[in-house]
Amino acid sequence: MTKRILVIDDEPSIRKTFIAALEDTGYIVETAESGEAGIEKIGKKKYDLIYLDLNMPGLNGVETLRELREIDKQAPIYFQTAFHAAFTDQLKRAAEDDLSFELLRKPLSNEQIVTITRMLLEGI
């Protein structure tokens, strides 16, 4: 079964980077330009892995995480951000509320994206 990945990021260049990095892996990669768009997609399909930006207009990453966990409690969610310090309190509260997530620091190279994704989805 082909694994599905969702990348939620307001920056088109980041979404394109993930698509380019994962295009030869056999995974299905979909993107959303906002937290709201990501929530809508997750309401319609199941994803095996979600990459989520923290610093977005509208719903920020932590607010989006809270909504996503109402729909899917199991999918691994990895924040990829350069602004984690600005969200320390919100991230701490999310962790205290048992909302599972991990943090990755931007920028990620194509090689890092592929390696992390394969480790998470295939245990490689």
PDB file of N, CA and C in Angstrom:
ATOM      1  N   MET A   1       0.831  -1.181   0.000  1.00  0.00           N
ATOM      2  CA  MET A   1       0.000   0.000   0.000  1.00  0.00           C
ATOM      3  C   MET A   1       0.877   1.246   0.000  1.00  0.00           C
ATOM      4  N   THR A   2       0.564   2.183  -0.844  1.00  0.00           N
ATOM      5  CA  THR A   2       1.351   3.406  -0.959  1.00  0.00           C
ATOM      6  C   THR A   2       1.069   4.323   0.216  1.00  0.00           C
ATOM      7  N   LYS A   3       2.117   4.856   0.801  1.00  0.00           N
ATOM      8  CA  LYS A   3       1.999   5.761   1.950  1.00  0.00           C
ATOM      9  C   LYS A   3       1.680   7.166   1.469  1.00  0.00           C
ATOM     10  N   ARG A   4       0.827   7.839   2.237  1.00  0.00           N
ATOM     11  CA  ARG A   4       0.419   9.221   1.936  1.00  0.00           C
ATOM     12  C   ARG A   4       1.067  10.182   2.930  1.00  0.00           C
ATOM     13  N   ILE A   5       1.577  11.280   2.380  1.00  0.00           N
ATOM     14  CA  ILE A   5       2.209  12.324   3.178  1.00  0.00           C
ATOM     15  C   ILE A   5       1.505  13.639   2.876  1.00  0.00           C
ATOM     16  N   LEU A   6       1.252  14.415   3.927  1.00  0.00           N
ATOM     17  CA  LEU A   6       0.685  15.745   3.757  1.00  0.00           C
ATOM     18  C   LEU A   6       1.670  16.768   4.297  1.00  0.00           C
ATOM     19  N   VAL A   7       1.965  17.784   3.481  1.00  0.00           N
ATOM     20  CA  VAL A   7       2.841  18.885   3.886  1.00  0.00           C
ATOM     21  C   VAL A   7       1.971  20.131   3.991  1.00  0.00           C
ATOM     22  N   ILE A   8       1.880  20.682   5.198  1.00  0.00           N
ATOM     23  CA  ILE A   8       1.086  21.892   5.438  1.00  0.00           C
ATOM     24  C   ILE A   8       2.064  23.027   5.716  1.00  0.00           C
ATOM     25  N   ASP A   9       2.149  23.957   4.775  1.00  0.00           N
ATOM     26  CA  ASP A   9       3.077  25.089   4.909  1.00  0.00           C
ATOM     27  C   ASP A   9       2.585  26.222   4.030  1.00  0.00           C
ATOM     28  N   ASP A  10       2.651  27.436   4.539  1.00  0.00           N
ATOM     29  CA  ASP A  10       2.179  28.590   3.765  1.00  0.00           C
ATOM     30  C   ASP A  10       3.184  29.041   2.713  1.00  0.00           C
ATOM     31  N   GLU A  11       4.411  28.551   2.777  1.00  0.00           N
ATOM     32  CA  GLU A  11       5.438  28.949   1.814  1.00  0.00           C
ATOM     33  C   GLU A  11       5.455  27.977   0.626  1.00  0.00           C
ATOM     34  N   PRO A  12       5.148  28.476  -0.580  1.00  0.00           N
ATOM     35  CA  PRO A  12       5.161  27.598  -1.765  1.00  0.00           C
ATOM     36  C   PRO A  12       6.502  26.909  -1.978  1.00  0.00           C
ATOM     37  N   SER A  13       7.603  27.594  -1.681  1.00  0.00           N
ATOM     38  CA  SER A  13       8.923  26.995  -1.905  1.00  0.00           C
ATOM     39  C   SER A  13       9.153  25.786  -0.998  1.00  0.00           C
ATOM     40  N   ILE A  14       8.629  25.816   0.203  1.00  0.00           N
ATOM     41  CA  ILE A  14       8.776  24.673   1.113  1.00  0.00           C
ATOM     42  C   ILE A  14       7.945  23.498   0.607  1.00  0.00           C
ATOM     43  N   ARG A  15       6.725  23.782   0.194  1.00  0.00           N
ATOM     44  CA  ARG A  15       5.877  22.705  -0.348  1.00  0.00           C
ATOM     45  C   ARG A  15       6.542  22.073  -1.568  1.00  0.00           C
ATOM     46  N   LYS A  16       7.103  22.900  -2.450  1.00  0.00           N
ATOM     47  CA  LYS A  16       7.781  22.383  -3.650  1.00  0.00           C
ATOM     48  C   LYS A  16       9.019  21.578  -3.284  1.00  0.00           C
ATOM     49  N   THR A  17       9.736  21.996  -2.256  1.00  0.00           N
ATOM     50  CA  THR A  17      10.926  21.266  -1.811  1.00  0.00           C
ATOM     51  C   THR A  17      10.550  19.856  -1.377  1.00  0.00           C
ATOM     52  N   PHE A  18       9.497  19.719  -0.608  1.00  0.00           N
ATOM     53  CA  PHE A  18       9.064  18.390  -0.158  1.00  0.00           C
ATOM     54  C   PHE A  18       8.633  17.528  -1.342  1.00  0.00           C
ATOM     55  N   ILE A  19       7.890  18.114  -2.264  1.00  0.00           N
ATOM     56  CA  ILE A  19       7.462  17.367  -3.454  1.00  0.00           C
ATOM     57  C   ILE A  19       8.676  16.890  -4.243  1.00  0.00           C
ATOM     58  N   ALA A  20       9.639  17.784  -4.474  1.00  0.00           N
ATOM     59  CA  ALA A  20      10.840  17.435  -5.239  1.00  0.00           C
ATOM     60  C   ALA A  20      11.671  16.368  -4.518  1.00  0.00           C
ATOM     61  N   ALA A  21      11.818  16.515  -3.210  1.00  0.00           N
ATOM     62  CA  ALA A  21      12.641  15.573  -2.444  1.00  0.00           C
ATOM     63  C   ALA A  21      12.044  14.172  -2.448  1.00  0.00           C
ATOM     64  N   LEU A  22      10.721  14.089  -2.432  1.00  0.00           N
ATOM     65  CA  LEU A  22      10.058  12.794  -2.278  1.00  0.00           C
ATOM     66  C   LEU A  22       9.487  12.224  -3.569  1.00  0.00           C
ATOM     67  N   GLU A  23       9.736  12.900  -4.705  1.00  0.00           N
ATOM     68  CA  GLU A  23       9.104  12.481  -5.955  1.00  0.00           C
ATOM     69  C   GLU A  23       9.518  11.087  -6.426  1.00  0.00           C
ATOM     70  N   ASP A  24      10.711  10.629  -6.106  1.00  0.00           N
ATOM     71  CA  ASP A  24      11.168   9.314  -6.558  1.00  0.00           C
ATOM     72  C   ASP A  24      11.060   8.232  -5.483  1.00  0.00           C
ATOM     73  N   THR A  25      10.349   8.519  -4.409  1.00  0.00           N
ATOM     74  CA  THR A  25      10.264   7.560  -3.302  1.00  0.00           C
ATOM     75  C   THR A  25       9.083   6.611  -3.411  1.00  0.00           C
ATOM     76  N   GLY A  26       8.124   6.938  -4.264  1.00  0.00           N
ATOM     77  CA  GLY A  26       6.928   6.121  -4.367  1.00  0.00           C
ATOM     78  C   GLY A  26       5.823   6.541  -3.412  1.00  0.00           C
ATOM     79  N   TYR A  27       6.090   7.498  -2.550  1.00  0.00           N
ATOM     80  CA  TYR A  27       5.057   8.015  -1.649  1.00  0.00           C
ATOM     81  C   TYR A  27       4.157   8.982  -2.401  1.00  0.00           C
ATOM     82  N   ILE A  28       2.933   9.084  -1.955  1.00  0.00           N
ATOM     83  CA  ILE A  28       2.016  10.102  -2.476  1.00  0.00           C
ATOM     84  C   ILE A  28       2.169  11.324  -1.585  1.00  0.00           C
ATOM     85  N   VAL A  29       2.560  12.449  -2.177  1.00  0.00           N
ATOM     86  CA  VAL A  29       2.775  13.678  -1.422  1.00  0.00           C
ATOM     87  C   VAL A  29       1.726  14.697  -1.843  1.00  0.00           C
ATOM     88  N   GLU A  30       0.973  15.168  -0.874  1.00  0.00           N
ATOM     89  CA  GLU A  30      -0.005  16.221  -1.103  1.00  0.00           C
ATOM     90  C   GLU A  30       0.372  17.410  -0.237  1.00  0.00           C
ATOM     91  N   THR A  31      -0.092  18.584  -0.622  1.00  0.00           N
ATOM     92  CA  THR A  31       0.250  19.779   0.128  1.00  0.00           C
ATOM     93  C   THR A  31      -0.999  20.592   0.442  1.00  0.00           C
ATOM     94  N   ALA A  32      -0.859  21.441   1.436  1.00  0.00           N
ATOM     95  CA  ALA A  32      -1.899  22.400   1.803  1.00  0.00           C
ATOM     96  C   ALA A  32      -1.197  23.696   2.172  1.00  0.00           C
ATOM     97  N   GLU A  33      -1.792  24.820   1.742  1.00  0.00           N
ATOM     98  CA  GLU A  33      -1.149  26.121   1.935  1.00  0.00           C
ATOM     99  C   GLU A  33      -1.508  26.790   3.257  1.00  0.00           C
ATOM    100  N   SER A  34      -2.352  26.142   4.077  1.00  0.00           N
ATOM    101  CA  SER A  34      -2.745  26.719   5.359  1.00  0.00           C
ATOM    102  C   SER A  34      -3.207  25.613   6.294  1.00  0.00           C
ATOM    103  N   GLY A  35      -3.298  25.962   7.574  1.00  0.00           N
ATOM    104  CA  GLY A  35      -3.825  25.009   8.533  1.00  0.00           C
ATOM    105  C   GLY A  35      -5.245  24.610   8.204  1.00  0.00           C
ATOM    106  N   GLU A  36      -6.038  25.588   7.806  1.00  0.00           N
ATOM    107  CA  GLU A  36      -7.430  25.309   7.460  1.00  0.00           C
ATOM    108  C   GLU A  36      -7.527  24.340   6.291  1.00  0.00           C
ATOM    109  N   ALA A  37      -6.712  24.540   5.254  1.00  0.00           N
ATOM    110  CA  ALA A  37      -6.723  23.652   4.088  1.00  0.00           C
ATOM    111  C   ALA A  37      -6.238  22.247   4.472  1.00  0.00           C
ATOM    112  N   GLY A  38      -5.259  22.178   5.365  1.00  0.00           N
ATOM    113  CA  GLY A  38      -4.771  20.885   5.830  1.00  0.00           C
ATOM    114  C   GLY A  38      -5.829  20.115   6.599  1.00  0.00           C
ATOM    115  N   ILE A  39      -6.548  20.814   7.455  1.00  0.00           N
ATOM    116  CA  ILE A  39      -7.625  20.185   8.225  1.00  0.00           C
ATOM    117  C   ILE A  39      -8.700  19.643   7.283  1.00  0.00           C
ATOM    118  N   GLU A  40      -9.021  20.413   6.271  1.00  0.00           N
ATOM    119  CA  GLU A  40     -10.017  19.967   5.294  1.00  0.00           C
ATOM    120  C   GLU A  40      -9.562  18.683   4.603  1.00  0.00           C
ATOM    121  N   LYS A  41      -8.284  18.619   4.212  1.00  0.00           N
ATOM    122  CA  LYS A  41      -7.772  17.418   3.535  1.00  0.00           C
ATOM    123  C   LYS A  41      -7.789  16.212   4.457  1.00  0.00           C
ATOM    124  N   ILE A  42      -7.405  16.417   5.716  1.00  0.00           N
ATOM    125  CA  ILE A  42      -7.360  15.298   6.657  1.00  0.00           C
ATOM    126  C   ILE A  42      -8.762  14.809   6.984  1.00  0.00           C
ATOM    127  N   GLY A  43      -9.740  15.680   6.870  1.00  0.00           N
ATOM    128  CA  GLY A  43     -11.123  15.264   7.062  1.00  0.00           C
ATOM    129  C   GLY A  43     -11.619  14.357   5.954  1.00  0.00           C
ATOM    130  N   LYS A  44     -10.926  14.370   4.809  1.00  0.00           N
ATOM    131  CA  LYS A  44     -11.359  13.578   3.652  1.00  0.00           C
ATOM    132  C   LYS A  44     -10.504  12.339   3.398  1.00  0.00           C
ATOM    133  N   LYS A  45      -9.234  12.362   3.837  1.00  0.00           N
ATOM    134  CA  LYS A  45      -8.302  11.254   3.576  1.00  0.00           C
ATOM    135  C   LYS A  45      -7.459  10.972   4.804  1.00  0.00           C
ATOM    136  N   LYS A  46      -6.933   9.765   4.851  1.00  0.00           N
ATOM    137  CA  LYS A  46      -5.995   9.396   5.910  1.00  0.00           C
ATOM    138  C   LYS A  46      -4.571   9.564   5.385  1.00  0.00           C
ATOM    139  N   TYR A  47      -3.709  10.129   6.221  1.00  0.00           N
ATOM    140  CA  TYR A  47      -2.304  10.313   5.868  1.00  0.00           C
ATOM    141  C   TYR A  47      -1.441   9.530   6.848  1.00  0.00           C
ATOM    142  N   ASP A  48      -0.331   9.015   6.331  1.00  0.00           N
ATOM    143  CA  ASP A  48       0.586   8.234   7.152  1.00  0.00           C
ATOM    144  C   ASP A  48       1.614   9.115   7.864  1.00  0.00           C
ATOM    145  N   LEU A  49       1.788  10.337   7.378  1.00  0.00           N
ATOM    146  CA  LEU A  49       2.758  11.265   7.949  1.00  0.00           C
ATOM    147  C   LEU A  49       2.343  12.680   7.570  1.00  0.00           C
ATOM    148  N   ILE A  50       2.470  13.599   8.529  1.00  0.00           N
ATOM    149  CA  ILE A  50       2.118  14.993   8.283  1.00  0.00           C
ATOM    150  C   ILE A  50       3.291  15.869   8.693  1.00  0.00           C
ATOM    151  N   TYR A  51       3.745  16.695   7.751  1.00  0.00           N
ATOM    152  CA  TYR A  51       4.729  17.739   8.053  1.00  0.00           C
ATOM    153  C   TYR A  51       3.952  19.038   8.171  1.00  0.00           C
ATOM    154  N   LEU A  52       4.186  19.767   9.242  1.00  0.00           N
ATOM    155  CA  LEU A  52       3.373  20.938   9.560  1.00  0.00           C
ATOM    156  C   LEU A  52       4.261  22.103   9.958  1.00  0.00           C
ATOM    157  N   ASP A  53       4.040  23.255   9.336  1.00  0.00           N
ATOM    158  CA  ASP A  53       4.757  24.477   9.687  1.00  0.00           C
ATOM    159  C   ASP A  53       4.149  25.060  10.958  1.00  0.00           C
ATOM    160  N   LEU A  54       4.965  25.684  11.786  1.00  0.00           N
ATOM    161  CA  LEU A  54       4.466  26.338  12.994  1.00  0.00           C
ATOM    162  C   LEU A  54       3.964  27.749  12.723  1.00  0.00           C
ATOM    163  N   ASN A  55       4.741  28.513  11.968  1.00  0.00           N
ATOM    164  CA  ASN A  55       4.473  29.935  11.785  1.00  0.00           C
ATOM    165  C   ASN A  55       3.704  30.167  10.487  1.00  0.00           C
ATOM    166  N   MET A  56       2.362  30.189  10.605  1.00  0.00           N
ATOM    167  CA  MET A  56       1.510  30.402   9.436  1.00  0.00           C
ATOM    168  C   MET A  56       0.446  31.433   9.782  1.00  0.00           C
ATOM    169  N   PRO A  57      -0.007  32.190   8.776  1.00  0.00           N
ATOM    170  CA  PRO A  57      -1.145  33.084   9.021  1.00  0.00           C
ATOM    171  C   PRO A  57      -2.423  32.263   9.217  1.00  0.00           C
ATOM    172  N   GLY A  58      -3.436  32.876   9.795  1.00  0.00           N
ATOM    173  CA  GLY A  58      -4.646  32.120  10.104  1.00  0.00           C
ATOM    174  C   GLY A  58      -4.345  31.219  11.285  1.00  0.00           C
ATOM    175  N   LEU A  59      -4.696  29.957  11.169  1.00  0.00           N
ATOM    176  CA  LEU A  59      -4.348  29.005  12.228  1.00  0.00           C
ATOM    177  C   LEU A  59      -2.850  28.757  12.211  1.00  0.00           C
ATOM    178  N   ASN A  60      -2.181  28.957  13.332  1.00  0.00           N
ATOM    179  CA  ASN A  60      -0.762  28.615  13.371  1.00  0.00           C
ATOM    180  C   ASN A  60      -0.630  27.100  13.516  1.00  0.00           C
ATOM    181  N   GLY A  61       0.592  26.624  13.543  1.00  0.00           N
ATOM    182  CA  GLY A  61       0.818  25.190  13.580  1.00  0.00           C
ATOM    183  C   GLY A  61       0.251  24.493  14.801  1.00  0.00           C
ATOM    184  N   VAL A  62       0.366  25.116  15.982  1.00  0.00           N
ATOM    185  CA  VAL A  62      -0.144  24.481  17.194  1.00  0.00           C
ATOM    186  C   VAL A  62      -1.669  24.433  17.170  1.00  0.00           C
ATOM    187  N   GLU A  63      -2.291  25.502  16.712  1.00  0.00           N
ATOM    188  CA  GLU A  63      -3.752  25.501  16.587  1.00  0.00           C
ATOM    189  C   GLU A  63      -4.201  24.441  15.581  1.00  0.00           C
ATOM    190  N   THR A  64      -3.455  24.322  14.490  1.00  0.00           N
ATOM    191  CA  THR A  64      -3.758  23.299  13.488  1.00  0.00           C
ATOM    192  C   THR A  64      -3.577  21.908  14.074  1.00  0.00           C
ATOM    193  N   LEU A  65      -2.500  21.701  14.839  1.00  0.00           N
ATOM    194  CA  LEU A  65      -2.259  20.421  15.506  1.00  0.00           C
ATOM    195  C   LEU A  65      -3.457  20.023  16.356  1.00  0.00           C
ATOM    196  N   ARG A  66      -3.974  20.949  17.123  1.00  0.00           N
ATOM    197  CA  ARG A  66      -5.115  20.652  17.990  1.00  0.00           C
ATOM    198  C   ARG A  66      -6.323  20.175  17.173  1.00  0.00           C
ATOM    199  N   GLU A  67      -6.568  20.837  16.058  1.00  0.00           N
ATOM    200  CA  GLU A  67      -7.689  20.444  15.189  1.00  0.00           C
ATOM    201  C   GLU A  67      -7.420  19.088  14.523  1.00  0.00           C
ATOM    202  N   LEU A  68      -6.186  18.884  14.068  1.00  0.00           N
ATOM    203  CA  LEU A  68      -5.836  17.628  13.401  1.00  0.00           C
ATOM    204  C   LEU A  68      -5.985  16.438  14.343  1.00  0.00           C
ATOM    205  N   ARG A  69      -5.594  16.625  15.589  1.00  0.00           N
ATOM    206  CA  ARG A  69      -5.681  15.527  16.553  1.00  0.00           C
ATOM    207  C   ARG A  69      -7.122  15.168  16.899  1.00  0.00           C
ATOM    208  N   GLU A  70      -8.048  16.064  16.669  1.00  0.00           N
ATOM    209  CA  GLU A  70      -9.464  15.732  16.840  1.00  0.00           C
ATOM    210  C   GLU A  70      -9.909  14.748  15.757  1.00  0.00           C
ATOM    211  N   ILE A  71      -9.280  14.837  14.585  1.00  0.00           N
ATOM    212  CA  ILE A  71      -9.642  13.987  13.443  1.00  0.00           C
ATOM    213  C   ILE A  71      -8.811  12.713  13.417  1.00  0.00           C
ATOM    214  N   ASP A  72      -7.505  12.844  13.639  1.00  0.00           N
ATOM    215  CA  ASP A  72      -6.575  11.710  13.545  1.00  0.00           C
ATOM    216  C   ASP A  72      -5.605  11.761  14.716  1.00  0.00           C
ATOM    217  N   LYS A  73      -5.757  10.829  15.626  1.00  0.00           N
ATOM    218  CA  LYS A  73      -4.911  10.806  16.828  1.00  0.00           C
ATOM    219  C   LYS A  73      -3.610  10.050  16.606  1.00  0.00           C
ATOM    220  N   GLN A  74      -3.481   9.319  15.484  1.00  0.00           N
ATOM    221  CA  GLN A  74      -2.359   8.413  15.286  1.00  0.00           C
ATOM    222  C   GLN A  74      -1.262   8.903  14.339  1.00  0.00           C
ATOM    223  N   ALA A  75      -1.614   9.623  13.300  1.00  0.00           N
ATOM    224  CA  ALA A  75      -0.622   9.991  12.277  1.00  0.00           C
ATOM    225  C   ALA A  75       0.527  10.773  12.909  1.00  0.00           C
ATOM    226  N   PRO A  76       1.760  10.397  12.598  1.00  0.00           N
ATOM    227  CA  PRO A  76       2.894  11.183  13.099  1.00  0.00           C
ATOM    228  C   PRO A  76       2.848  12.593  12.509  1.00  0.00           C
ATOM    229  N   ILE A  77       3.017  13.576  13.384  1.00  0.00           N
ATOM    230  CA  ILE A  77       3.049  14.970  12.953  1.00  0.00           C
ATOM    231  C   ILE A  77       4.400  15.551  13.336  1.00  0.00           C
ATOM    232  N   TYR A  78       5.088  16.070  12.322  1.00  0.00           N
ATOM    233  CA  TYR A  78       6.396  16.680  12.513  1.00  0.00           C
ATOM    234  C   TYR A  78       6.326  18.148  12.139  1.00  0.00           C
ATOM    235  N   PHE A  79       6.517  18.999  13.146  1.00  0.00           N
ATOM    236  CA  PHE A  79       6.632  20.426  12.861  1.00  0.00           C
ATOM    237  C   PHE A  79       7.979  20.661  12.217  1.00  0.00           C
ATOM    238  N   GLN A  80       8.013  21.430  11.141  1.00  0.00           N
ATOM    239  CA  GLN A  80       9.272  21.860  10.553  1.00  0.00           C
ATOM    240  C   GLN A  80       9.223  23.374  10.565  1.00  0.00           C
ATOM    241  N   THR A  81      10.177  23.953  11.333  1.00  0.00           N
ATOM    242  CA  THR A  81      10.092  25.386  11.589  1.00  0.00           C
ATOM    243  C   THR A  81      11.443  25.995  11.901  1.00  0.00           C
ATOM    244  N   ALA A  82      11.529  27.271  11.687  1.00  0.00           N
ATOM    245  CA  ALA A  82      12.684  28.052  12.124  1.00  0.00           C
ATOM    246  C   ALA A  82      12.297  28.928  13.311  1.00  0.00           C
ATOM    247  N   PHE A  83      11.040  28.844  13.746  1.00  0.00           N
ATOM    248  CA  PHE A  83      10.501  29.751  14.762  1.00  0.00           C
ATOM    249  C   PHE A  83      10.031  29.041  16.022  1.00  0.00           C
ATOM    250  N   HIS A  84      10.610  27.891  16.349  1.00  0.00           N
ATOM    251  CA  HIS A  84      10.097  27.136  17.490  1.00  0.00           C
ATOM    252  C   HIS A  84      10.161  27.910  18.802  1.00  0.00           C
ATOM    253  N   ALA A  85      11.155  28.775  18.984  1.00  0.00           N
ATOM    254  CA  ALA A  85      11.289  29.526  20.236  1.00  0.00           C
ATOM    255  C   ALA A  85      10.072  30.427  20.482  1.00  0.00           C
ATOM    256  N   ALA A  86       9.506  30.980  19.426  1.00  0.00           N
ATOM    257  CA  ALA A  86       8.341  31.854  19.565  1.00  0.00           C
ATOM    258  C   ALA A  86       7.089  31.076  19.975  1.00  0.00           C
ATOM    259  N   PHE A  87       7.125  29.768  19.853  1.00  0.00           N
ATOM    260  CA  PHE A  87       5.959  28.938  20.145  1.00  0.00           C
ATOM    261  C   PHE A  87       6.181  28.035  21.360  1.00  0.00           C
ATOM    262  N   THR A  88       7.201  28.310  22.142  1.00  0.00           N
ATOM    263  CA  THR A  88       7.564  27.431  23.252  1.00  0.00           C
ATOM    264  C   THR A  88       6.393  27.175  24.196  1.00  0.00           C
ATOM    265  N   ASP A  89       5.704  28.226  24.615  1.00  0.00           N
ATOM    266  CA  ASP A  89       4.596  28.051  25.558  1.00  0.00           C
ATOM    267  C   ASP A  89       3.460  27.239  24.955  1.00  0.00           C
ATOM    268  N   GLN A  90       3.116  27.527  23.701  1.00  0.00           N
ATOM    269  CA  GLN A  90       2.034  26.781  23.046  1.00  0.00           C
ATOM    270  C   GLN A  90       2.411  25.313  22.854  1.00  0.00           C
ATOM    271  N   LEU A  91       3.662  25.067  22.479  1.00  0.00           N
ATOM    272  CA  LEU A  91       4.124  23.686  22.300  1.00  0.00           C
ATOM    273  C   LEU A  91       4.120  22.935  23.625  1.00  0.00           C
ATOM    274  N   LYS A  92       4.529  23.619  24.679  1.00  0.00           N
ATOM    275  CA  LYS A  92       4.540  22.994  26.006  1.00  0.00           C
ATOM    276  C   LYS A  92       3.121  22.612  26.418  1.00  0.00           C
ATOM    277  N   ARG A  93       2.157  23.499  26.213  1.00  0.00           N
ATOM    278  CA  ARG A  93       0.762  23.198  26.552  1.00  0.00           C
ATOM    279  C   ARG A  93       0.227  22.035  25.705  1.00  0.00           C
ATOM    280  N   ALA A  94       0.579  22.012  24.428  1.00  0.00           N
ATOM    281  CA  ALA A  94       0.144  20.912  23.559  1.00  0.00           C
ATOM    282  C   ALA A  94       0.709  19.590  24.067  1.00  0.00           C
ATOM    283  N   ALA A  95       1.968  19.577  24.452  1.00  0.00           N
ATOM    284  CA  ALA A  95       2.580  18.354  24.984  1.00  0.00           C
ATOM    285  C   ALA A  95       1.900  17.947  26.295  1.00  0.00           C
ATOM    286  N   GLU A  96       1.606  18.912  27.155  1.00  0.00           N
ATOM    287  CA  GLU A  96       0.908  18.622  28.412  1.00  0.00           C
ATOM    288  C   GLU A  96      -0.490  18.060  28.155  1.00  0.00           C
ATOM    289  N   ASP A  97      -1.099  18.439  27.047  1.00  0.00           N
ATOM    290  CA  ASP A  97      -2.421  17.934  26.672  1.00  0.00           C
ATOM    291  C   ASP A  97      -2.344  16.599  25.923  1.00  0.00           C
ATOM    292  N   ASP A  98      -1.154  15.989  25.911  1.00  0.00           N
ATOM    293  CA  ASP A  98      -0.911  14.696  25.254  1.00  0.00           C
ATOM    294  C   ASP A  98      -1.174  14.717  23.754  1.00  0.00           C
ATOM    295  N   LEU A  99      -0.894  15.836  23.109  1.00  0.00           N
ATOM    296  CA  LEU A  99      -0.985  15.935  21.652  1.00  0.00           C
ATOM    297  C   LEU A  99       0.401  15.609  21.105  1.00  0.00           C
ATOM    298  N   SER A 100       0.555  14.438  20.536  1.00  0.00           N
ATOM    299  CA  SER A 100       1.881  13.992  20.107  1.00  0.00           C
ATOM    300  C   SER A 100       2.352  14.730  18.855  1.00  0.00           C
ATOM    301  N   PHE A 101       3.640  15.090  18.870  1.00  0.00           N
ATOM    302  CA  PHE A 101       4.297  15.771  17.761  1.00  0.00           C
ATOM    303  C   PHE A 101       5.796  15.723  17.985  1.00  0.00           C
ATOM    304  N   GLU A 102       6.540  16.054  16.948  1.00  0.00           N
ATOM    305  CA  GLU A 102       7.991  16.181  17.015  1.00  0.00           C
ATOM    306  C   GLU A 102       8.377  17.483  16.321  1.00  0.00           C
ATOM    307  N   LEU A 103       9.574  17.961  16.618  1.00  0.00           N
ATOM    308  CA  LEU A 103      10.073  19.198  16.012  1.00  0.00           C
ATOM    309  C   LEU A 103      11.267  18.924  15.118  1.00  0.00           C
ATOM    310  N   LEU A 104      11.276  19.546  13.943  1.00  0.00           N
ATOM    311  CA  LEU A 104      12.413  19.538  13.029  1.00  0.00           C
ATOM    312  C   LEU A 104      12.757  20.990  12.729  1.00  0.00           C
ATOM    313  N   ARG A 105      14.023  21.291  12.645  1.00  0.00           N
ATOM    314  CA  ARG A 105      14.446  22.655  12.395  1.00  0.00           C
ATOM    315  C   ARG A 105      14.656  22.905  10.910  1.00  0.00           C
ATOM    316  N   LYS A 106      14.001  23.957  10.388  1.00  0.00           N
ATOM    317  CA  LYS A 106      14.198  24.398   9.002  1.00  0.00           C
ATOM    318  C   LYS A 106      15.542  25.090   8.909  1.00  0.00           C
ATOM    319  N   PRO A 107      16.153  25.072   7.785  1.00  0.00           N
ATOM    320  CA  PRO A 107      15.754  24.391   6.560  1.00  0.00           C
ATOM    321  C   PRO A 107      16.183  22.927   6.580  1.00  0.00           C
ATOM    322  N   LEU A 108      15.401  22.107   5.934  1.00  0.00           N
ATOM    323  CA  LEU A 108      15.736  20.695   5.765  1.00  0.00           C
ATOM    324  C   LEU A 108      16.225  20.489   4.338  1.00  0.00           C
ATOM    325  N   SER A 109      17.304  19.747   4.198  1.00  0.00           N
ATOM    326  CA  SER A 109      17.790  19.418   2.854  1.00  0.00           C
ATOM    327  C   SER A 109      16.920  18.308   2.273  1.00  0.00           C
ATOM    328  N   ASN A 110      16.998  18.133   0.968  1.00  0.00           N
ATOM    329  CA  ASN A 110      16.260  17.038   0.320  1.00  0.00           C
ATOM    330  C   ASN A 110      16.652  15.697   0.933  1.00  0.00           C
ATOM    331  N   GLU A 111      17.937  15.520   1.173  1.00  0.00           N
ATOM    332  CA  GLU A 111      18.418  14.265   1.760  1.00  0.00           C
ATOM    333  C   GLU A 111      17.823  14.051   3.151  1.00  0.00           C
ATOM    334  N   GLN A 112      17.757  15.104   3.954  1.00  0.00           N
ATOM    335  CA  GLN A 112      17.166  14.981   5.284  1.00  0.00           C
ATOM    336  C   GLN A 112      15.680  14.629   5.194  1.00  0.00           C
ATOM    337  N   ILE A 113      14.978  15.262   4.277  1.00  0.00           N
ATOM    338  CA  ILE A 113      13.546  14.982   4.102  1.00  0.00           C
ATOM    339  C   ILE A 113      13.334  13.510   3.763  1.00  0.00           C
ATOM    340  N   VAL A 114      14.104  12.999   2.819  1.00  0.00           N
ATOM    341  CA  VAL A 114      13.965  11.598   2.411  1.00  0.00           C
ATOM    342  C   VAL A 114      14.337  10.664   3.562  1.00  0.00           C
ATOM    343  N   THR A 115      15.438  10.928   4.224  1.00  0.00           N
ATOM    344  CA  THR A 115      15.898  10.065   5.316  1.00  0.00           C
ATOM    345  C   THR A 115      14.884  10.028   6.453  1.00  0.00           C
ATOM    346  N   ILE A 116      14.426  11.184   6.886  1.00  0.00           N
ATOM    347  CA  ILE A 116      13.451  11.250   7.979  1.00  0.00           C
ATOM    348  C   ILE A 116      12.164  10.540   7.581  1.00  0.00           C
ATOM    349  N   THR A 117      11.690  10.796   6.385  1.00  0.00           N
ATOM    350  CA  THR A 117      10.450  10.182   5.917  1.00  0.00           C
ATOM    351  C   THR A 117      10.575   8.663   5.875  1.00  0.00           C
ATOM    352  N   ARG A 118      11.652   8.156   5.312  1.00  0.00           N
ATOM    353  CA  ARG A 118      11.829   6.699   5.234  1.00  0.00           C
ATOM    354  C   ARG A 118      11.952   6.080   6.622  1.00  0.00           C
ATOM    355  N   MET A 119      12.656   6.755   7.521  1.00  0.00           N
ATOM    356  CA  MET A 119      12.768   6.243   8.895  1.00  0.00           C
ATOM    357  C   MET A 119      11.404   6.131   9.542  1.00  0.00           C
ATOM    358  N   LEU A 120      10.574   7.145   9.344  1.00  0.00           N
ATOM    359  CA  LEU A 120       9.262   7.150   9.982  1.00  0.00           C
ATOM    360  C   LEU A 120       8.288   6.165   9.353  1.00  0.00           C
ATOM    361  N   LEU A 121       8.315   6.057   8.047  1.00  0.00           N
ATOM    362  CA  LEU A 121       7.327   5.230   7.364  1.00  0.00           C
ATOM    363  C   LEU A 121       7.761   3.788   7.148  1.00  0.00           C
ATOM    364  N   GLU A 122       9.062   3.567   7.113  1.00  0.00           N
ATOM    365  CA  GLU A 122       9.553   2.211   6.809  1.00  0.00           C
ATOM    366  C   GLU A 122      10.471   1.667   7.891  1.00  0.00           C
ATOM    367  N   GLY A 123      10.825   2.491   8.857  1.00  0.00           N
ATOM    368  CA  GLY A 123      11.730   2.044   9.913  1.00  0.00           C
ATOM    369  C   GLY A 123      13.155   1.838   9.427  1.00  0.00           C
ATOM    370  N   ILE A 124      13.515   2.473   8.313  1.00  0.00           N
ATOM    371  CA  ILE A 124      14.869   2.320   7.737  1.00  0.00           C
ATOM    372  C   ILE A 124      15.827   3.241   8.431  1.00  0.00           C
TER     373      ILE A 124
END
